[in-house]
Protein backbone atom coordinates (compact mmCIF):
# COMPACT_ATOMS: atom_id res chain seq x y z
CA UNK A 1 -4.67 -45.23 -25.95
CA UNK A 2 -1.27 -46.87 -25.62
CA UNK A 3 1.41 -45.98 -23.10
CA UNK A 4 3.55 -44.63 -25.94
CA UNK A 5 0.66 -42.38 -27.06
CA UNK A 6 0.24 -41.05 -23.52
CA UNK A 7 3.99 -40.38 -23.28
CA UNK A 8 4.06 -38.53 -26.61
CA UNK A 9 1.06 -36.44 -25.56
CA UNK A 10 2.63 -35.52 -22.23
CA UNK A 11 5.88 -34.58 -23.99
CA UNK A 12 3.94 -32.37 -26.42
CA UNK A 13 2.14 -30.65 -23.55
CA UNK A 14 5.41 -29.74 -21.82
CA UNK A 15 7.68 -29.42 -24.86
CA UNK A 16 5.61 -28.21 -27.79
CA UNK A 17 5.84 -29.52 -31.33
CA UNK A 18 7.76 -32.73 -32.00
CA UNK A 19 10.93 -32.29 -34.05
CA UNK A 20 11.44 -35.53 -36.01
CA UNK A 21 15.12 -35.05 -36.97
CA UNK A 22 16.23 -34.55 -33.34
CA UNK A 23 13.52 -36.74 -31.74
CA UNK A 24 12.83 -33.89 -29.31
CA UNK A 25 10.17 -31.32 -28.44
CA UNK A 26 11.78 -27.90 -28.89
CA UNK A 27 9.06 -25.25 -28.47
CA UNK A 28 8.19 -25.49 -24.78
CA UNK A 29 5.71 -22.90 -23.52
CA UNK A 30 7.35 -23.09 -20.07
CA UNK A 31 10.05 -20.49 -19.37
CA UNK A 32 13.43 -22.09 -18.81
CA UNK A 33 12.70 -25.39 -20.58
CA UNK A 34 14.92 -25.68 -23.65
CA UNK A 35 14.24 -29.21 -24.87
CA UNK A 36 11.95 -32.05 -23.79
CA UNK A 37 13.01 -35.63 -24.54
CA UNK A 38 11.49 -39.11 -24.21
CA UNK A 39 14.87 -40.76 -23.65
CA UNK A 40 18.39 -39.81 -22.62
CA UNK A 41 20.46 -38.28 -25.41
CA UNK A 42 23.60 -39.93 -26.76
CA UNK A 43 25.47 -36.64 -26.26
CA UNK A 44 24.93 -33.81 -23.80
CA UNK A 45 24.56 -30.67 -25.93
CA UNK A 46 24.89 -27.57 -23.74
CA UNK A 47 22.92 -25.51 -26.30
CA UNK A 48 19.79 -27.62 -25.78
CA UNK A 49 19.44 -26.30 -22.22
CA UNK A 50 19.03 -22.76 -23.55
CA UNK A 51 17.12 -23.54 -26.75
CA UNK A 52 14.48 -20.91 -27.52
CA UNK A 53 15.49 -18.60 -24.68
CA UNK A 54 16.59 -15.01 -24.87
CA UNK A 55 20.33 -14.51 -25.38
CA UNK A 56 22.12 -14.39 -22.04
CA UNK A 57 19.41 -16.34 -20.19
CA UNK A 58 20.76 -17.33 -16.78
CA UNK A 59 19.30 -20.85 -16.55
CA UNK A 60 18.00 -23.55 -18.82
CA UNK A 61 16.73 -27.10 -18.64
CA UNK A 62 16.62 -30.32 -20.60
CA UNK A 63 13.61 -32.34 -19.44
CA UNK A 64 13.38 -36.10 -19.71
CA UNK A 65 9.78 -37.38 -19.47
CA UNK A 66 9.33 -40.98 -18.35
CA UNK A 67 6.33 -43.14 -17.59
CA UNK A 68 8.06 -45.46 -15.15
CA UNK A 69 5.07 -47.49 -13.96
CA UNK A 70 1.49 -48.20 -14.97
CA UNK A 71 -1.37 -50.26 -13.67
CA UNK A 72 -4.92 -50.79 -14.77
CA UNK A 73 -8.20 -52.14 -13.48
CA UNK A 74 -11.71 -52.65 -14.80
CA UNK A 75 -14.68 -50.56 -13.78
CA UNK A 76 -17.75 -52.74 -14.47
CA UNK A 77 -20.74 -50.72 -15.61
CA UNK A 78 -23.29 -53.10 -17.03
CA UNK A 79 -22.49 -56.65 -16.21
CA UNK A 80 -20.12 -59.07 -17.83
CA UNK A 81 -19.59 -56.93 -20.93
CA UNK A 82 -19.25 -53.20 -20.97
CA UNK A 83 -17.53 -50.80 -18.69
CA UNK A 84 -14.20 -49.04 -18.60
CA UNK A 85 -10.60 -49.73 -17.80
CA UNK A 86 -8.69 -47.15 -15.82
CA UNK A 87 -5.00 -46.98 -16.59
CA UNK A 88 -2.84 -45.09 -14.09
CA UNK A 89 0.58 -43.85 -15.19
CA UNK A 90 3.32 -42.72 -12.84
CA UNK A 91 5.12 -39.92 -14.64
CA UNK A 92 8.46 -38.29 -13.91
CA UNK A 93 9.70 -35.02 -15.32
CA UNK A 94 13.47 -35.26 -14.76
CA UNK A 95 14.80 -31.74 -15.21
CA UNK A 96 18.55 -31.38 -15.77
CA UNK A 97 19.46 -27.77 -15.08
CA UNK A 98 22.31 -25.53 -16.17
CA UNK A 99 22.87 -22.06 -14.76
CA UNK A 100 25.44 -19.59 -16.04
CA UNK A 101 26.26 -18.29 -12.61
CA UNK A 102 29.18 -18.44 -10.24
CA UNK A 103 26.76 -19.00 -7.37
CA UNK A 104 25.02 -22.31 -6.77
CA UNK A 105 22.28 -20.44 -4.90
CA UNK A 106 21.14 -18.83 -8.18
CA UNK A 107 20.75 -22.26 -9.75
CA UNK A 108 18.88 -23.49 -6.71
CA UNK A 109 16.49 -20.53 -6.86
CA UNK A 110 15.90 -21.17 -10.57
CA UNK A 111 15.10 -24.83 -9.83
CA UNK A 112 12.43 -23.73 -7.34
CA UNK A 113 11.00 -21.27 -9.88
CA UNK A 114 10.93 -24.00 -12.55
CA UNK A 115 9.10 -26.35 -10.18
CA UNK A 116 6.46 -23.68 -9.54
CA UNK A 117 6.04 -23.09 -13.29
CA UNK A 118 5.68 -26.81 -14.01
CA UNK A 119 3.07 -27.32 -11.29
CA UNK A 120 1.16 -24.29 -12.56
CA UNK A 121 1.29 -25.78 -16.08
CA UNK A 122 -0.07 -29.13 -14.83
CA UNK A 123 -2.90 -27.34 -13.00
CA UNK A 124 -3.75 -25.26 -16.07
CA UNK A 125 -5.22 -28.30 -17.89
CA UNK A 126 -5.92 -31.52 -15.99
CA UNK A 127 -5.87 -33.45 -19.32
CA UNK A 128 -2.38 -32.17 -20.22
CA UNK A 129 -3.64 -30.97 -23.57
CA UNK A 130 -5.77 -34.07 -24.14
CA UNK A 131 -2.88 -36.48 -23.49
CA UNK A 132 -4.72 -38.19 -20.61
CA UNK A 133 -8.07 -38.09 -18.79
CA UNK A 134 -6.53 -36.32 -15.81
CA UNK A 135 -3.17 -35.68 -14.17
CA UNK A 136 -2.14 -34.50 -10.73
CA UNK A 137 -5.68 -35.02 -9.47
CA UNK A 138 -7.29 -37.52 -7.12
CA UNK A 139 -7.22 -40.91 -8.84
CA UNK A 140 -8.97 -44.10 -7.74
CA UNK A 141 -6.30 -46.49 -6.39
CA UNK A 142 -3.74 -43.77 -7.04
CA UNK A 143 -2.48 -40.52 -5.71
CA UNK A 144 -3.21 -36.85 -6.18
CA UNK A 145 0.31 -35.88 -5.13
CA UNK A 146 2.72 -33.86 -7.19
CA UNK A 147 6.10 -34.60 -5.62
CA UNK A 148 9.25 -32.55 -6.16
CA UNK A 149 12.76 -33.71 -5.32
CA UNK A 150 15.76 -31.45 -5.70
CA UNK A 151 19.42 -32.22 -6.25
CA UNK A 152 22.11 -30.15 -4.58
CA UNK A 153 23.46 -27.74 -7.24
CA UNK A 154 27.18 -27.85 -7.98
CA UNK A 155 29.19 -25.00 -9.50
CA UNK A 156 32.43 -25.45 -11.43
CA UNK A 157 34.10 -22.93 -13.75
CA UNK A 158 31.15 -20.51 -13.65
CA UNK A 159 28.52 -23.13 -14.57
CA UNK A 160 26.06 -24.55 -12.07
CA UNK A 161 24.47 -27.93 -12.67
CA UNK A 162 21.35 -28.97 -10.80
CA UNK A 163 18.51 -31.45 -10.88
CA UNK A 164 14.77 -31.37 -10.24
CA UNK A 165 12.45 -34.37 -10.34
CA UNK A 166 8.71 -33.77 -10.50
CA UNK A 167 6.52 -36.86 -10.16
CA UNK A 168 2.76 -37.20 -10.51
CA UNK A 169 0.12 -39.66 -11.60
CA UNK A 170 -1.95 -39.40 -14.74
CA UNK A 171 -4.90 -41.60 -15.63
CA UNK A 172 -6.67 -42.66 -18.76
CA UNK A 173 -10.13 -44.18 -19.13
CA UNK A 174 -10.44 -46.76 -21.91
CA UNK A 175 -13.69 -48.47 -23.01
CA UNK A 176 -13.64 -52.14 -21.96
CA UNK A 177 -15.30 -53.95 -24.81
């Protein structure tokens, strides 16, 4: 499996079906996630944050999924030939948040709720829908951490903008032939 294949699979797990014309994943099963992307958009479309949500939804998110580092090593199981390669990916879910509220605290609360939903979604299927061998679990030469970092929300003109970064490792086992 290539890095690009792993990235597409992770995006599908968090964002649903790939939409070729927009190059996005627009049917996320996670409440509050409007659109999942593999790269930053050329334009910031406010409607993407609330895509697929009920009218009047308070908060929405555009998620940017990045594999920002990978490493691999061989696991010898049978001498000079045969065995496996373990590829570890460091993944970031960068969540750009918008909240239709005059209070930054509401946006902050929604960021915490989104973090909880994302971690629950990771824990639901350690393979992330078959995208990888395992994610967010103990990995040889890696980490079992799921790390969340939060940006301070800012409110202007009745719109709160915030940021949440969720980082974890995912691994893939590849036959070494």
